[in-house]
Amino acid sequence: MKQAAAVIPVRHDSRRFPGKALAPILGKPMIQWVYEGVTQAQFVDKVIIATDDQRIQEAAKDFGAEAVMTSREHGSGTDRTAEVAQAVDNKIVINIQGDEPMISGRMVDSLIEALQNESVPMASLMTKVSDLGLNENPNMVKVVVDREGNALYFSRSPLPYQAADFFYLHIGVYGFQRDFLLRFSGLRPSRLEAAEKLEQLRVLENGFPIRMIEVPHPALSVDTPQDIIRVEEILRKQGHD
């Protein structure tokens, strides 16, 4: 089994929730929850926090994480991950956003398993949602796939339109063949990417497949301070305090 490097790109600035990476969740900064979840993966041999803010680097070092400073010019977490990937030897690189405090090692491992097949350049996660009212929520990114599990399209709009049974919610955790990640970061932003504000559409527009892996539940990312309350409630139910 080829081992992966996991990179957690983190900015301090956030339009909707400034400083959210350091926001406390049950007494620990959110980025620490992300880091500890990723370290549970069996097939990851290094976890690196990539940031452009010294406060995040210092906080990461306080809880024992490797943290590196990266350029402030990056427009996305993928670009920040690609900068770090240039310096690692692993053939597989996983990109976990710093606002996924409930990420599990099993989720990460499922991507690494899919990427053992070198013909799969990129993989991501999705989960089935039966509450069809949520299909209208533009903050929930939807995905449709073909019979092989490859993504056909991602959208903030309802997808599929008037779904009668369920839709697939995209979970923004990505796995890459390292060489493809470096190639992807060099591609020009695309029209659909700009329209939907979804960088993964750049991959599809350039003709590359994204293998989608279904997992039983979402990771519950944090976009607003109210999301912290939801995460803490779930963590308490799981026995954390």
C-alpha atoms as a PDB file:
ATOM      1  CA  MET A   1       0.000   0.000   0.000  1.00  0.00           C
ATOM      2  CA  LYS A   2       1.453   3.339  -1.076  1.00  0.00           C
ATOM      3  CA  GLN A   3       1.460   5.777   1.825  1.00  0.00           C
ATOM      4  CA  ALA A   4       0.224   9.346   1.452  1.00  0.00           C
ATOM      5  CA  ALA A   5       1.225  12.756   2.683  1.00  0.00           C
ATOM      6  CA  ALA A   6      -1.714  14.666   4.153  1.00  0.00           C
ATOM      7  CA  VAL A   7      -1.678  18.452   3.866  1.00  0.00           C
ATOM      8  CA  ILE A   8      -4.065  20.710   5.777  1.00  0.00           C
ATOM      9  CA  PRO A   9      -4.062  24.173   4.147  1.00  0.00           C
ATOM     10  CA  VAL A  10      -5.209  26.863   6.563  1.00  0.00           C
ATOM     11  CA  ARG A  11      -5.703  30.620   6.249  1.00  0.00           C
ATOM     12  CA  HIS A  12      -6.420  32.893   9.189  1.00  0.00           C
ATOM     13  CA  ASP A  13      -8.554  35.282   7.155  1.00  0.00           C
ATOM     14  CA  SER A  14     -12.070  34.127   6.292  1.00  0.00           C
ATOM     15  CA  ARG A  15     -14.767  36.369   4.885  1.00  0.00           C
ATOM     16  CA  ARG A  16     -17.611  34.812   6.880  1.00  0.00           C
ATOM     17  CA  PHE A  17     -15.673  33.689   9.961  1.00  0.00           C
ATOM     18  CA  PRO A  18     -12.268  35.374  10.476  1.00  0.00           C
ATOM     19  CA  GLY A  19      -9.851  33.307  12.545  1.00  0.00           C
ATOM     20  CA  LYS A  20     -12.057  30.221  12.448  1.00  0.00           C
ATOM     21  CA  ALA A  21      -9.089  27.823  12.294  1.00  0.00           C
ATOM     22  CA  LEU A  22      -8.225  28.844  15.854  1.00  0.00           C
ATOM     23  CA  ALA A  23     -11.817  28.978  17.108  1.00  0.00           C
ATOM     24  CA  PRO A  24     -12.136  26.755  20.202  1.00  0.00           C
ATOM     25  CA  ILE A  25     -14.182  23.559  19.986  1.00  0.00           C
ATOM     26  CA  LEU A  26     -14.567  21.935  23.401  1.00  0.00           C
ATOM     27  CA  GLY A  27     -11.410  23.728  24.509  1.00  0.00           C
ATOM     28  CA  LYS A  28      -9.183  22.892  21.538  1.00  0.00           C
ATOM     29  CA  PRO A  29      -8.607  25.000  18.417  1.00  0.00           C
ATOM     30  CA  MET A  30     -10.500  23.696  15.402  1.00  0.00           C
ATOM     31  CA  ILE A  31      -7.307  23.013  13.475  1.00  0.00           C
ATOM     32  CA  GLN A  32      -6.225  20.599  16.224  1.00  0.00           C
ATOM     33  CA  TRP A  33      -9.412  18.550  15.768  1.00  0.00           C
ATOM     34  CA  VAL A  34      -8.710  18.353  12.037  1.00  0.00           C
ATOM     35  CA  TYR A  35      -5.106  17.331  12.620  1.00  0.00           C
ATOM     36  CA  GLU A  36      -5.998  14.658  15.171  1.00  0.00           C
ATOM     37  CA  GLY A  37      -8.673  13.214  12.875  1.00  0.00           C
ATOM     38  CA  VAL A  38      -6.235  12.939   9.968  1.00  0.00           C
ATOM     39  CA  THR A  39      -3.544  11.297  12.103  1.00  0.00           C
ATOM     40  CA  GLN A  40      -5.943   8.397  12.691  1.00  0.00           C
ATOM     41  CA  ALA A  41      -5.547   7.343   9.046  1.00  0.00           C
ATOM     42  CA  GLN A  42      -3.605   4.114   8.620  1.00  0.00           C
ATOM     43  CA  PHE A  43      -2.125   4.964   5.234  1.00  0.00           C
ATOM     44  CA  VAL A  44      -0.760   8.449   5.999  1.00  0.00           C
ATOM     45  CA  ASP A  45       2.891   8.699   6.993  1.00  0.00           C
ATOM     46  CA  LYS A  46       3.097  12.487   7.375  1.00  0.00           C
ATOM     47  CA  VAL A  47       0.639  15.256   8.200  1.00  0.00           C
ATOM     48  CA  ILE A  48       1.611  18.846   7.413  1.00  0.00           C
ATOM     49  CA  ILE A  49      -0.310  22.015   8.240  1.00  0.00           C
ATOM     50  CA  ALA A  50       0.308  24.627   5.541  1.00  0.00           C
ATOM     51  CA  THR A  51      -0.492  28.228   6.419  1.00  0.00           C
ATOM     52  CA  ASP A  52       0.350  31.841   5.652  1.00  0.00           C
ATOM     53  CA  ASP A  53      -0.186  33.052   9.213  1.00  0.00           C
ATOM     54  CA  GLN A  54       2.304  32.824  12.054  1.00  0.00           C
ATOM     55  CA  ARG A  55      -0.472  32.545  14.655  1.00  0.00           C
ATOM     56  CA  ILE A  56      -1.664  29.312  13.095  1.00  0.00           C
ATOM     57  CA  GLN A  57       1.881  27.992  12.782  1.00  0.00           C
ATOM     58  CA  GLU A  58       2.548  28.664  16.473  1.00  0.00           C
ATOM     59  CA  ALA A  59      -0.753  27.090  17.548  1.00  0.00           C
ATOM     60  CA  ALA A  60       0.012  23.994  15.474  1.00  0.00           C
ATOM     61  CA  LYS A  61       3.448  23.629  17.011  1.00  0.00           C
ATOM     62  CA  ASP A  62       1.880  23.933  20.484  1.00  0.00           C
ATOM     63  CA  PHE A  63      -0.064  20.711  19.941  1.00  0.00           C
ATOM     64  CA  GLY A  64       2.844  18.936  18.261  1.00  0.00           C
ATOM     65  CA  ALA A  65       2.009  19.308  14.573  1.00  0.00           C
ATOM     66  CA  GLU A  66       4.418  19.999  11.745  1.00  0.00           C
ATOM     67  CA  ALA A  67       3.477  23.390  10.306  1.00  0.00           C
ATOM     68  CA  VAL A  68       5.078  25.202   7.380  1.00  0.00           C
ATOM     69  CA  MET A  69       4.674  28.737   6.121  1.00  0.00           C
ATOM     70  CA  THR A  70       3.511  29.097   2.517  1.00  0.00           C
ATOM     71  CA  SER A  71       2.913  31.965   0.109  1.00  0.00           C
ATOM     72  CA  ARG A  72       0.210  34.536   0.825  1.00  0.00           C
ATOM     73  CA  GLU A  73      -0.544  34.715  -2.893  1.00  0.00           C
ATOM     74  CA  HIS A  74      -2.375  31.393  -3.167  1.00  0.00           C
ATOM     75  CA  GLY A  75      -5.971  31.667  -4.302  1.00  0.00           C
ATOM     76  CA  SER A  76      -7.057  28.278  -2.985  1.00  0.00           C
ATOM     77  CA  GLY A  77      -6.216  25.528  -0.537  1.00  0.00           C
ATOM     78  CA  THR A  78      -5.286  23.305  -3.459  1.00  0.00           C
ATOM     79  CA  ASP A  79      -2.627  25.760  -4.599  1.00  0.00           C
ATOM     80  CA  ARG A  80      -1.256  25.894  -1.039  1.00  0.00           C
ATOM     81  CA  THR A  81      -1.233  22.093  -0.911  1.00  0.00           C
ATOM     82  CA  ALA A  82       0.611  21.951  -4.219  1.00  0.00           C
ATOM     83  CA  GLU A  83       3.370  24.185  -2.851  1.00  0.00           C
ATOM     84  CA  VAL A  84       3.932  21.736   0.002  1.00  0.00           C
ATOM     85  CA  ALA A  85       3.650  18.732  -2.338  1.00  0.00           C
ATOM     86  CA  GLN A  86       6.695  19.912  -4.273  1.00  0.00           C
ATOM     87  CA  ALA A  87       8.837  19.065  -1.251  1.00  0.00           C
ATOM     88  CA  VAL A  88       7.438  15.607  -0.379  1.00  0.00           C
ATOM     89  CA  ASP A  89       8.345  12.229  -1.822  1.00  0.00           C
ATOM     90  CA  ASN A  90       4.917  10.601  -1.509  1.00  0.00           C
ATOM     91  CA  LYS A  91       3.192   9.730  -4.780  1.00  0.00           C
ATOM     92  CA  ILE A  92      -0.210  10.402  -3.189  1.00  0.00           C
ATOM     93  CA  VAL A  93      -1.205  13.689  -1.520  1.00  0.00           C
ATOM     94  CA  ILE A  94      -4.413  14.284   0.410  1.00  0.00           C
ATOM     95  CA  ASN A  95      -5.802  17.809   0.847  1.00  0.00           C
ATOM     96  CA  ILE A  96      -7.979  18.247   3.957  1.00  0.00           C
ATOM     97  CA  GLN A  97      -9.401  21.707   4.566  1.00  0.00           C
ATOM     98  CA  GLY A  98      -8.794  23.214   7.988  1.00  0.00           C
ATOM     99  CA  ASP A  99     -12.531  23.634   8.661  1.00  0.00           C
ATOM    100  CA  GLU A 100     -13.339  19.897   8.774  1.00  0.00           C
ATOM    101  CA  PRO A 101     -13.092  19.179  12.530  1.00  0.00           C
ATOM    102  CA  MET A 102     -15.007  15.911  12.251  1.00  0.00           C
ATOM    103  CA  ILE A 103     -12.875  14.353   9.536  1.00  0.00           C
ATOM    104  CA  SER A 104     -12.053  10.728  10.249  1.00  0.00           C
ATOM    105  CA  GLY A 105      -9.029   8.637   9.428  1.00  0.00           C
ATOM    106  CA  ARG A 106     -11.286   6.184   7.602  1.00  0.00           C
ATOM    107  CA  MET A 107     -12.446   8.915   5.215  1.00  0.00           C
ATOM    108  CA  VAL A 108      -8.845   9.762   4.393  1.00  0.00           C
ATOM    109  CA  ASP A 109      -7.908   6.102   3.951  1.00  0.00           C
ATOM    110  CA  SER A 110     -10.773   5.567   1.494  1.00  0.00           C
ATOM    111  CA  LEU A 111      -9.233   8.160  -0.826  1.00  0.00           C
ATOM    112  CA  ILE A 112      -5.771   6.635  -0.517  1.00  0.00           C
ATOM    113  CA  GLU A 113      -7.165   3.217  -1.379  1.00  0.00           C
ATOM    114  CA  ALA A 114      -8.804   4.594  -4.540  1.00  0.00           C
ATOM    115  CA  LEU A 115      -5.555   6.289  -5.570  1.00  0.00           C
ATOM    116  CA  GLN A 116      -3.587   3.071  -5.445  1.00  0.00           C
ATOM    117  CA  ASN A 117      -4.871   2.824  -9.015  1.00  0.00           C
ATOM    118  CA  GLU A 118      -2.517   5.176 -10.843  1.00  0.00           C
ATOM    119  CA  SER A 119      -5.077   5.709 -13.619  1.00  0.00           C
ATOM    120  CA  VAL A 120      -7.174   7.661 -11.089  1.00  0.00           C
ATOM    121  CA  PRO A 121      -5.619  11.149 -11.007  1.00  0.00           C
ATOM    122  CA  MET A 122      -7.916  12.596  -8.345  1.00  0.00           C
ATOM    123  CA  ALA A 123     -10.542  11.420  -5.871  1.00  0.00           C
ATOM    124  CA  SER A 124     -12.992  13.046  -3.500  1.00  0.00           C
ATOM    125  CA  LEU A 125     -15.817  12.165  -1.098  1.00  0.00           C
ATOM    126  CA  MET A 126     -19.599  12.296  -1.194  1.00  0.00           C
ATOM    127  CA  THR A 127     -22.465  11.173   0.996  1.00  0.00           C
ATOM    128  CA  LYS A 128     -26.101  10.388   0.244  1.00  0.00           C
ATOM    129  CA  VAL A 129     -28.678  12.880   1.582  1.00  0.00           C
ATOM    130  CA  SER A 130     -32.373  11.999   1.637  1.00  0.00           C
ATOM    131  CA  ASP A 131     -33.605  15.344   3.023  1.00  0.00           C
ATOM    132  CA  LEU A 132     -34.461  16.791  -0.379  1.00  0.00           C
ATOM    133  CA  GLY A 133     -35.102  20.258   1.023  1.00  0.00           C
ATOM    134  CA  LEU A 134     -31.353  20.610   1.482  1.00  0.00           C
ATOM    135  CA  ASN A 135     -30.859  20.240  -2.265  1.00  0.00           C
ATOM    136  CA  GLU A 136     -31.858  23.912  -2.549  1.00  0.00           C
ATOM    137  CA  ASN A 137     -29.114  25.119  -0.186  1.00  0.00           C
ATOM    138  CA  PRO A 138     -26.336  26.847  -2.197  1.00  0.00           C
ATOM    139  CA  ASN A 139     -23.866  26.334   0.668  1.00  0.00           C
ATOM    140  CA  MET A 140     -24.175  22.576   0.192  1.00  0.00           C
ATOM    141  CA  VAL A 141     -22.268  21.492  -2.903  1.00  0.00           C
ATOM    142  CA  LYS A 142     -23.938  18.707  -4.838  1.00  0.00           C
ATOM    143  CA  VAL A 143     -22.373  16.179  -7.220  1.00  0.00           C
ATOM    144  CA  VAL A 144     -23.703  13.721  -9.792  1.00  0.00           C
ATOM    145  CA  VAL A 145     -21.676  10.714 -10.919  1.00  0.00           C
ATOM    146  CA  ASP A 146     -21.585   8.199 -13.749  1.00  0.00           C
ATOM    147  CA  ARG A 147     -21.939   4.423 -13.377  1.00  0.00           C
ATOM    148  CA  GLU A 148     -18.218   4.106 -12.620  1.00  0.00           C
ATOM    149  CA  GLY A 149     -18.398   6.626  -9.774  1.00  0.00           C
ATOM    150  CA  ASN A 150     -16.688   9.437 -11.661  1.00  0.00           C
ATOM    151  CA  ALA A 151     -18.018  12.962 -11.182  1.00  0.00           C
ATOM    152  CA  LEU A 152     -20.135  14.366 -14.001  1.00  0.00           C
ATOM    153  CA  TYR A 153     -20.715  17.787 -12.435  1.00  0.00           C
ATOM    154  CA  PHE A 154     -20.664  19.736  -9.178  1.00  0.00           C
ATOM    155  CA  SER A 155     -23.055  22.576  -8.414  1.00  0.00           C
ATOM    156  CA  ARG A 156     -24.440  24.830  -5.710  1.00  0.00           C
ATOM    157  CA  SER A 157     -27.801  24.639  -7.466  1.00  0.00           C
ATOM    158  CA  PRO A 158     -30.166  21.663  -6.998  1.00  0.00           C
ATOM    159  CA  LEU A 159     -28.537  18.635  -8.588  1.00  0.00           C
ATOM    160  CA  PRO A 160     -30.192  16.666  -9.987  1.00  0.00           C
ATOM    161  CA  TYR A 161     -33.105  19.000 -10.586  1.00  0.00           C
ATOM    162  CA  GLN A 162     -36.242  17.758  -8.768  1.00  0.00           C
ATOM    163  CA  ALA A 163     -34.489  14.717  -7.292  1.00  0.00           C
ATOM    164  CA  ALA A 164     -37.174  12.318  -6.095  1.00  0.00           C
ATOM    165  CA  ASP A 165     -35.190  10.104  -3.727  1.00  0.00           C
ATOM    166  CA  PHE A 166     -31.796  11.524  -2.699  1.00  0.00           C
ATOM    167  CA  PHE A 167     -28.863  13.639  -3.816  1.00  0.00           C
ATOM    168  CA  TYR A 168     -25.130  13.342  -3.231  1.00  0.00           C
ATOM    169  CA  LEU A 169     -23.533  15.961  -1.026  1.00  0.00           C
ATOM    170  CA  HIS A 170     -19.915  16.660  -1.884  1.00  0.00           C
ATOM    171  CA  ILE A 171     -17.419  16.573   0.990  1.00  0.00           C
ATOM    172  CA  GLY A 172     -14.494  18.866   0.196  1.00  0.00           C
ATOM    173  CA  VAL A 173     -11.626  16.489   0.913  1.00  0.00           C
ATOM    174  CA  TYR A 174      -9.417  15.692  -2.075  1.00  0.00           C
ATOM    175  CA  GLY A 175      -6.838  13.078  -2.916  1.00  0.00           C
ATOM    176  CA  PHE A 176      -4.361  13.438  -5.764  1.00  0.00           C
ATOM    177  CA  GLN A 177      -1.643  11.622  -7.546  1.00  0.00           C
ATOM    178  CA  ARG A 178       1.159  14.016  -6.647  1.00  0.00           C
ATOM    179  CA  ASP A 179       2.154  14.649 -10.271  1.00  0.00           C
ATOM    180  CA  PHE A 180      -1.445  15.450 -11.203  1.00  0.00           C
ATOM    181  CA  LEU A 181      -1.794  17.870  -8.283  1.00  0.00           C
ATOM    182  CA  LEU A 182       1.210  19.825  -9.521  1.00  0.00           C
ATOM    183  CA  ARG A 183      -0.221  19.832 -13.037  1.00  0.00           C
ATOM    184  CA  PHE A 184      -3.679  20.893 -11.831  1.00  0.00           C
ATOM    185  CA  SER A 185      -2.311  23.831  -9.860  1.00  0.00           C
ATOM    186  CA  GLY A 186      -0.771  25.127 -13.085  1.00  0.00           C
ATOM    187  CA  LEU A 187      -4.017  25.068 -15.069  1.00  0.00           C
ATOM    188  CA  ARG A 188      -5.796  28.339 -15.672  1.00  0.00           C
ATOM    189  CA  PRO A 189      -9.039  28.916 -13.737  1.00  0.00           C
ATOM    190  CA  SER A 190     -12.021  27.894 -15.845  1.00  0.00           C
ATOM    191  CA  ARG A 191     -15.389  29.393 -16.774  1.00  0.00           C
ATOM    192  CA  LEU A 192     -17.530  26.940 -14.797  1.00  0.00           C
ATOM    193  CA  GLU A 193     -15.169  27.181 -11.827  1.00  0.00           C
ATOM    194  CA  ALA A 194     -15.692  30.956 -11.784  1.00  0.00           C
ATOM    195  CA  ALA A 195     -19.470  30.653 -12.140  1.00  0.00           C
ATOM    196  CA  GLU A 196     -19.948  28.073  -9.361  1.00  0.00           C
ATOM    197  CA  LYS A 197     -16.987  29.129  -7.179  1.00  0.00           C
ATOM    198  CA  LEU A 198     -15.851  25.471  -7.197  1.00  0.00           C
ATOM    199  CA  GLU A 199     -12.246  24.819  -8.177  1.00  0.00           C
ATOM    200  CA  GLN A 200     -12.816  21.097  -8.837  1.00  0.00           C
ATOM    201  CA  LEU A 201     -14.731  22.069 -11.980  1.00  0.00           C
ATOM    202  CA  ARG A 202     -11.398  23.121 -13.467  1.00  0.00           C
ATOM    203  CA  VAL A 203     -10.441  19.445 -13.457  1.00  0.00           C
ATOM    204  CA  LEU A 204     -13.596  18.358 -15.297  1.00  0.00           C
ATOM    205  CA  GLU A 205     -13.411  21.193 -17.813  1.00  0.00           C
ATOM    206  CA  ASN A 206      -9.891  20.102 -18.733  1.00  0.00           C
ATOM    207  CA  GLY A 207     -11.078  16.545 -19.376  1.00  0.00           C
ATOM    208  CA  PHE A 208      -9.723  14.775 -16.273  1.00  0.00           C
ATOM    209  CA  PRO A 209     -11.831  12.401 -14.154  1.00  0.00           C
ATOM    210  CA  ILE A 210     -12.550  12.733 -10.434  1.00  0.00           C
ATOM    211  CA  ARG A 211     -13.372   9.425  -8.736  1.00  0.00           C
ATOM    212  CA  MET A 212     -16.024   9.943  -6.067  1.00  0.00           C
ATOM    213  CA  ILE A 213     -16.010   7.722  -2.973  1.00  0.00           C
ATOM    214  CA  GLU A 214     -19.253   7.391  -1.026  1.00  0.00           C
ATOM    215  CA  VAL A 215     -19.021   7.569   2.765  1.00  0.00           C
ATOM    216  CA  PRO A 216     -21.886   7.014   5.224  1.00  0.00           C
ATOM    217  CA  HIS A 217     -22.028  10.513   6.712  1.00  0.00           C
ATOM    218  CA  PRO A 218     -20.722  14.045   6.102  1.00  0.00           C
ATOM    219  CA  ALA A 219     -17.736  15.484   7.937  1.00  0.00           C
ATOM    220  CA  LEU A 220     -19.700  18.673   8.862  1.00  0.00           C
ATOM    221  CA  SER A 221     -17.462  21.569   7.877  1.00  0.00           C
ATOM    222  CA  VAL A 222     -17.481  24.885   9.760  1.00  0.00           C
ATOM    223  CA  ASP A 223     -18.451  27.998   7.821  1.00  0.00           C
ATOM    224  CA  THR A 224     -20.007  30.174  10.550  1.00  0.00           C
ATOM    225  CA  PRO A 225     -19.780  30.533  14.351  1.00  0.00           C
ATOM    226  CA  GLN A 226     -23.160  28.771  14.584  1.00  0.00           C
ATOM    227  CA  ASP A 227     -21.594  25.671  13.038  1.00  0.00           C
ATOM    228  CA  ILE A 228     -19.265  25.430  16.055  1.00  0.00           C
ATOM    229  CA  ILE A 229     -22.289  24.881  18.284  1.00  0.00           C
ATOM    230  CA  ARG A 230     -23.533  22.046  16.049  1.00  0.00           C
ATOM    231  CA  VAL A 231     -20.128  20.383  16.013  1.00  0.00           C
ATOM    232  CA  GLU A 232     -19.800  20.580  19.799  1.00  0.00           C
ATOM    233  CA  GLU A 233     -23.224  19.010  20.266  1.00  0.00           C
ATOM    234  CA  ILE A 234     -22.276  16.068  18.058  1.00  0.00           C
ATOM    235  CA  LEU A 235     -18.879  15.637  19.705  1.00  0.00           C
ATOM    236  CA  ARG A 236     -20.468  15.559  23.157  1.00  0.00           C
ATOM    237  CA  LYS A 237     -22.856  12.839  21.976  1.00  0.00           C
ATOM    238  CA  GLN A 238     -19.792  10.896  20.814  1.00  0.00           C
ATOM    239  CA  GLY A 239     -18.310  11.083  24.304  1.00  0.00           C
ATOM    240  CA  HIS A 240     -16.001  14.072  23.979  1.00  0.00           C
ATOM    241  CA  ASP A 241     -16.052  16.732  26.657  1.00  0.00           C
END
